[in-house]
Structure formats: structure tokens, C-alpha cells
Amino acid sequence: ALPISSTATAVITANWIFEGLWMNCAATALGSVQCKKFSSIFILPSHVQACRALMIIAIIFGLLACVISLFGLRCTKVGSSDINTKGKIALSGGIIFIFGGLSSLVAVSWYAAIITKQFYDPLYGGLKYELGDALYLGWAGSILLILGGAFLTCSCKREKKTPAGRYQYDYSATKNVPSDFKHKQGSDTAGSSKAYV
């Protein structure tokens, strides 16, 4: 009889646990991801509840700023056609963009600060997380919102008013003078050269 030998191999898979504002997810190296929403708002820590509220405010501000800024564009015919009024509407849209970006920036930075504090705390007994891709995307989105709002507010120009007692002459109107009234160089220069010679 032949000896029977058997070898057993075990597959070791790596597991990752992700936690965000809205759900927990567990992923394996084989590619399976399982996510579970938080069952109740009241079991969440206070910083997660505050960050959720700030992100919802940022989304609402962003959508509101988009709509208001569309009415403030000079190319749209909706609303007033006055340049000063359009500028004020665009200015208010830019300010709301900045508020939305600041709200998002505070939420992302606060969440990242709590994660970093828990990670380096030797007395913390829970799971320790690292900064994930969503935080970096949140920072990038916040900066883009703030920059976009700043550019929109800086692009609003007021119409310059002339001071009292001064008149402003429009030089562009002289370009459209009919050719009958323009100075003809050939005939006058010939006549003037004859007079002086």
C-alpha cells in the first residue's frame, strides 16, 4: 500500500473596514464589499452628526449658488437685463459658493482631526482609522468651491459713474462717421503743397 499524504493550504485574505458619515463598509482583497447604513442617528458620535449637518448645508448652498449665479450671468435673459443688477446677483451667488465651500471644509477638516486624534491616542480602545480618499476629495471640492466663489465675486464690475459736472465723451461714435465728412488726404495735401512751393 502506498502512503497517503495530504497538504492543506489556507487562503489568507486581507480585510479593510471603511467608515464614513453615512455608512460602514467592509472590503476584502477578493473584491467583495459589504456596506451597512447606520441604524440610528442617535447612536452616532456628536462630531459625525455635526459633520453630516455641515455637509448637507454645503450641498444646499452649492445648489442654491448655482441657480442664483445662472440668473446673474450676462448671457441669460432671465430676470433683469441691467448690468448692475446682474452683477449684484452674480456677487450673491459667489458669496453663497464661498459659504458652501467653508461649510464643507469645516466638516472634512473636523472629521479628519478626530480620526487623527483617535489614531495617535494610546488610550483609545476602539478601531483606529486612517484618512481615506473621501477626505482628500472633500478638501479638493471645498477649495474649488471657495475659489469659484471668489472668482465669481471678483468678476462683478460696477458701472463707472461720471462725477457731477463732468461729461463723458464716447470716442467710439466717431468711427462711424459717413465717408463724405472724412478728411480726404489726396486732394488737400496736393493743394497745400502747391500753395507753399
Protein backbone atom coordinates (compact mmCIF):
# COMPACT_ATOMS: atom_id res chain seq x y z
CA ALA A 1 0.00 0.00 0.00
CA LEU A 2 1.15 3.48 -0.82
CA PRO A 3 1.43 6.07 1.90
CA ILE A 4 -1.28 8.74 1.75
CA SER A 5 -0.16 12.31 2.18
CA SER A 6 -2.28 15.39 2.13
CA THR A 7 -1.38 19.05 2.16
CA ALA A 8 -3.79 21.70 3.25
CA THR A 9 -3.46 25.26 2.08
CA ALA A 10 -5.22 28.20 3.62
CA VAL A 11 -6.13 31.31 1.69
CA ILE A 12 -5.40 34.41 3.71
CA THR A 13 -7.34 37.43 2.64
CA ALA A 14 -6.85 40.99 3.79
CA ASN A 15 -9.83 42.86 5.14
CA TRP A 16 -10.41 46.60 5.20
CA ILE A 17 -13.04 48.47 7.16
CA PHE A 18 -14.19 51.88 5.97
CA GLU A 19 -16.30 54.30 7.96
CA GLY A 20 -17.88 57.45 6.65
CA LEU A 21 -20.62 59.87 7.56
CA TRP A 22 -23.42 57.70 6.20
CA MET A 23 -22.34 54.03 6.42
CA ASN A 24 -19.74 51.43 7.38
CA CYS A 25 -18.20 49.21 4.72
CA ALA A 26 -16.04 46.09 4.88
CA ALA A 27 -13.97 45.02 1.87
CA THR A 28 -11.77 42.02 1.16
CA ALA A 29 -8.82 41.55 -1.15
CA LEU A 30 -11.00 39.33 -3.35
CA GLY A 31 -13.11 42.35 -4.26
CA SER A 32 -16.27 41.83 -2.23
CA VAL A 33 -17.58 44.91 -0.46
CA GLN A 34 -20.42 44.95 2.03
CA CYS A 35 -21.83 48.20 3.30
CA LYS A 36 -24.25 48.85 6.13
CA LYS A 37 -26.00 52.13 6.82
CA PHE A 38 -26.03 53.44 10.34
CA SER A 39 -29.17 52.16 12.02
CA SER A 40 -29.94 55.28 14.06
CA ILE A 41 -28.78 58.86 14.20
CA PHE A 42 -28.75 58.81 17.99
CA ILE A 43 -26.01 56.17 18.26
CA LEU A 44 -23.59 58.28 16.22
CA PRO A 45 -20.95 60.41 17.92
CA SER A 46 -21.68 64.13 18.07
CA HIS A 47 -18.90 65.05 15.63
CA VAL A 48 -20.36 62.72 12.97
CA GLN A 49 -23.81 64.28 13.42
CA ALA A 50 -22.35 67.78 13.14
CA CYS A 51 -20.30 66.87 10.06
CA ARG A 52 -23.40 65.38 8.45
CA ALA A 53 -25.30 68.61 9.06
CA LEU A 54 -22.45 70.73 7.68
CA MET A 55 -22.20 68.61 4.52
CA ILE A 56 -25.96 68.87 3.92
CA ILE A 57 -25.71 72.65 4.36
CA ALA A 58 -22.79 72.72 1.91
CA ILE A 59 -24.80 70.78 -0.69
CA ILE A 60 -27.80 73.09 -0.30
CA PHE A 61 -25.59 76.19 -0.53
CA GLY A 62 -23.87 74.80 -3.64
CA LEU A 63 -27.14 74.11 -5.46
CA LEU A 64 -28.61 77.46 -4.45
CA ALA A 65 -25.46 79.28 -5.58
CA CYS A 66 -25.59 77.52 -8.97
CA VAL A 67 -29.16 78.66 -9.58
CA ILE A 68 -28.54 82.22 -8.41
CA SER A 69 -25.33 82.51 -10.43
CA LEU A 70 -27.13 81.42 -13.59
CA PHE A 71 -29.55 84.33 -13.18
CA GLY A 72 -26.58 86.67 -12.71
CA LEU A 73 -24.85 85.78 -15.98
CA ARG A 74 -24.92 88.48 -18.64
CA CYS A 75 -25.76 85.96 -21.36
CA THR A 76 -29.06 84.91 -19.72
CA LYS A 77 -32.26 86.78 -20.47
CA VAL A 78 -33.97 85.72 -17.22
CA GLY A 79 -34.54 88.46 -14.66
CA SER A 80 -33.30 91.98 -15.08
CA SER A 81 -31.18 93.00 -18.06
CA ASP A 82 -29.47 95.79 -16.13
CA ILE A 83 -25.72 95.17 -15.79
CA ASN A 84 -25.59 96.42 -12.20
CA THR A 85 -28.45 94.14 -11.15
CA LYS A 86 -26.85 91.16 -12.91
CA GLY A 87 -23.58 91.93 -11.13
CA LYS A 88 -25.29 92.01 -7.73
CA ILE A 89 -27.00 88.68 -8.42
CA ALA A 90 -23.71 87.09 -9.50
CA LEU A 91 -22.00 88.57 -6.45
CA SER A 92 -24.56 86.99 -4.12
CA GLY A 93 -24.13 83.66 -5.92
CA GLY A 94 -20.36 83.86 -5.42
CA ILE A 95 -20.74 84.62 -1.72
CA ILE A 96 -23.05 81.63 -1.28
CA PHE A 97 -20.48 79.46 -3.10
CA ILE A 98 -17.85 80.60 -0.59
CA PHE A 99 -20.14 79.80 2.36
CA GLY A 100 -20.82 76.33 0.92
CA GLY A 101 -17.10 75.70 0.46
CA LEU A 102 -16.34 76.85 4.01
CA SER A 103 -19.08 74.61 5.40
CA SER A 104 -17.67 71.61 3.54
CA LEU A 105 -14.11 72.49 4.54
CA VAL A 106 -15.04 72.68 8.23
CA ALA A 107 -16.84 69.32 8.08
CA VAL A 108 -14.00 67.50 6.32
CA SER A 109 -11.28 69.04 8.46
CA TRP A 110 -13.14 68.36 11.70
CA TYR A 111 -13.71 64.70 10.78
CA ALA A 112 -10.04 64.32 9.79
CA ALA A 113 -8.91 65.93 13.06
CA ILE A 114 -11.00 63.48 15.12
CA ILE A 115 -9.64 60.49 13.16
CA THR A 116 -6.06 61.69 13.58
CA LYS A 117 -6.57 62.33 17.29
CA GLN A 118 -8.02 58.83 17.81
CA PHE A 119 -5.25 57.22 15.78
CA TYR A 120 -2.45 58.71 17.88
CA ASP A 121 -4.23 58.29 21.23
CA PRO A 122 -2.72 55.24 23.02
CA LEU A 123 -5.68 55.08 25.42
CA TYR A 124 -8.34 54.90 22.68
CA GLY A 125 -9.81 51.39 22.68
CA GLY A 126 -11.92 51.45 19.51
CA LEU A 127 -10.98 50.84 15.90
CA LYS A 128 -8.33 53.20 14.60
CA TYR A 129 -8.90 54.53 11.11
CA GLU A 130 -6.66 56.32 8.64
CA LEU A 131 -7.50 59.19 6.35
CA GLY A 132 -9.24 57.94 3.23
CA ASP A 133 -9.80 59.13 -0.31
CA ALA A 134 -13.13 60.76 0.53
CA LEU A 135 -11.44 63.25 2.85
CA TYR A 136 -8.95 64.30 0.19
CA LEU A 137 -11.75 64.67 -2.36
CA GLY A 138 -13.69 66.71 0.20
CA TRP A 139 -10.75 69.06 0.70
CA ALA A 140 -10.30 69.44 -3.07
CA GLY A 141 -14.01 70.10 -3.60
CA SER A 142 -14.10 72.65 -0.79
CA ILE A 143 -11.14 74.53 -2.21
CA LEU A 144 -12.72 74.54 -5.67
CA LEU A 145 -15.98 75.90 -4.25
CA ILE A 146 -14.16 78.67 -2.40
CA LEU A 147 -12.03 79.57 -5.43
CA GLY A 148 -15.02 79.53 -7.76
CA GLY A 149 -16.97 81.77 -5.42
CA ALA A 150 -14.00 84.13 -5.09
CA PHE A 151 -13.56 84.36 -8.87
CA LEU A 152 -17.28 84.97 -9.30
CA THR A 153 -17.33 87.76 -6.73
CA CYS A 154 -14.21 89.38 -8.19
CA SER A 155 -15.62 89.33 -11.73
CA CYS A 156 -18.58 91.52 -10.82
CA LYS A 157 -17.87 95.05 -12.00
CA ARG A 158 -19.87 98.11 -11.25
CA GLU A 159 -20.66 100.58 -13.97
CA LYS A 160 -18.46 103.65 -13.52
CA LYS A 161 -20.45 106.78 -12.91
CA THR A 162 -19.09 110.13 -14.03
CA PRO A 163 -18.76 112.71 -11.25
CA ALA A 164 -21.19 115.63 -11.18
CA GLY A 165 -20.21 118.46 -13.52
CA ARG A 166 -18.12 116.30 -15.85
CA TYR A 167 -19.17 114.95 -19.18
CA GLN A 168 -18.06 111.75 -20.73
CA TYR A 169 -17.45 111.65 -24.45
CA ASP A 170 -17.88 108.43 -26.37
CA TYR A 171 -14.95 108.25 -28.80
CA SER A 172 -16.17 105.09 -30.44
CA ALA A 173 -19.03 107.04 -32.06
CA THR A 174 -16.57 108.93 -34.29
CA LYS A 175 -15.56 105.75 -36.05
CA ASN A 176 -18.98 105.50 -37.65
CA VAL A 177 -18.88 108.92 -39.34
CA PRO A 178 -20.01 108.77 -43.02
CA SER A 179 -17.21 108.96 -45.58
CA ASP A 180 -18.50 112.27 -47.04
CA PHE A 181 -17.39 114.13 -43.93
CA LYS A 182 -14.00 112.50 -43.58
CA HIS A 183 -10.86 114.34 -44.48
CA LYS A 184 -9.57 113.35 -47.92
CA GLN A 185 -5.80 113.34 -47.83
CA GLY A 186 -5.04 113.28 -51.57
CA SER A 187 -6.79 116.49 -52.62
CA ASP A 188 -5.86 118.67 -49.63
CA THR A 189 -2.26 117.67 -49.50
CA ALA A 190 -1.87 118.36 -53.19
CA GLY A 191 -3.47 121.79 -52.82
CA SER A 192 -1.43 122.69 -49.80
CA SER A 193 1.81 121.64 -51.43
CA LYS A 194 1.08 123.92 -54.38
CA ALA A 195 0.43 126.85 -52.10
CA TYR A 196 3.79 126.57 -50.38
CA VAL A 197 6.00 125.89 -53.33
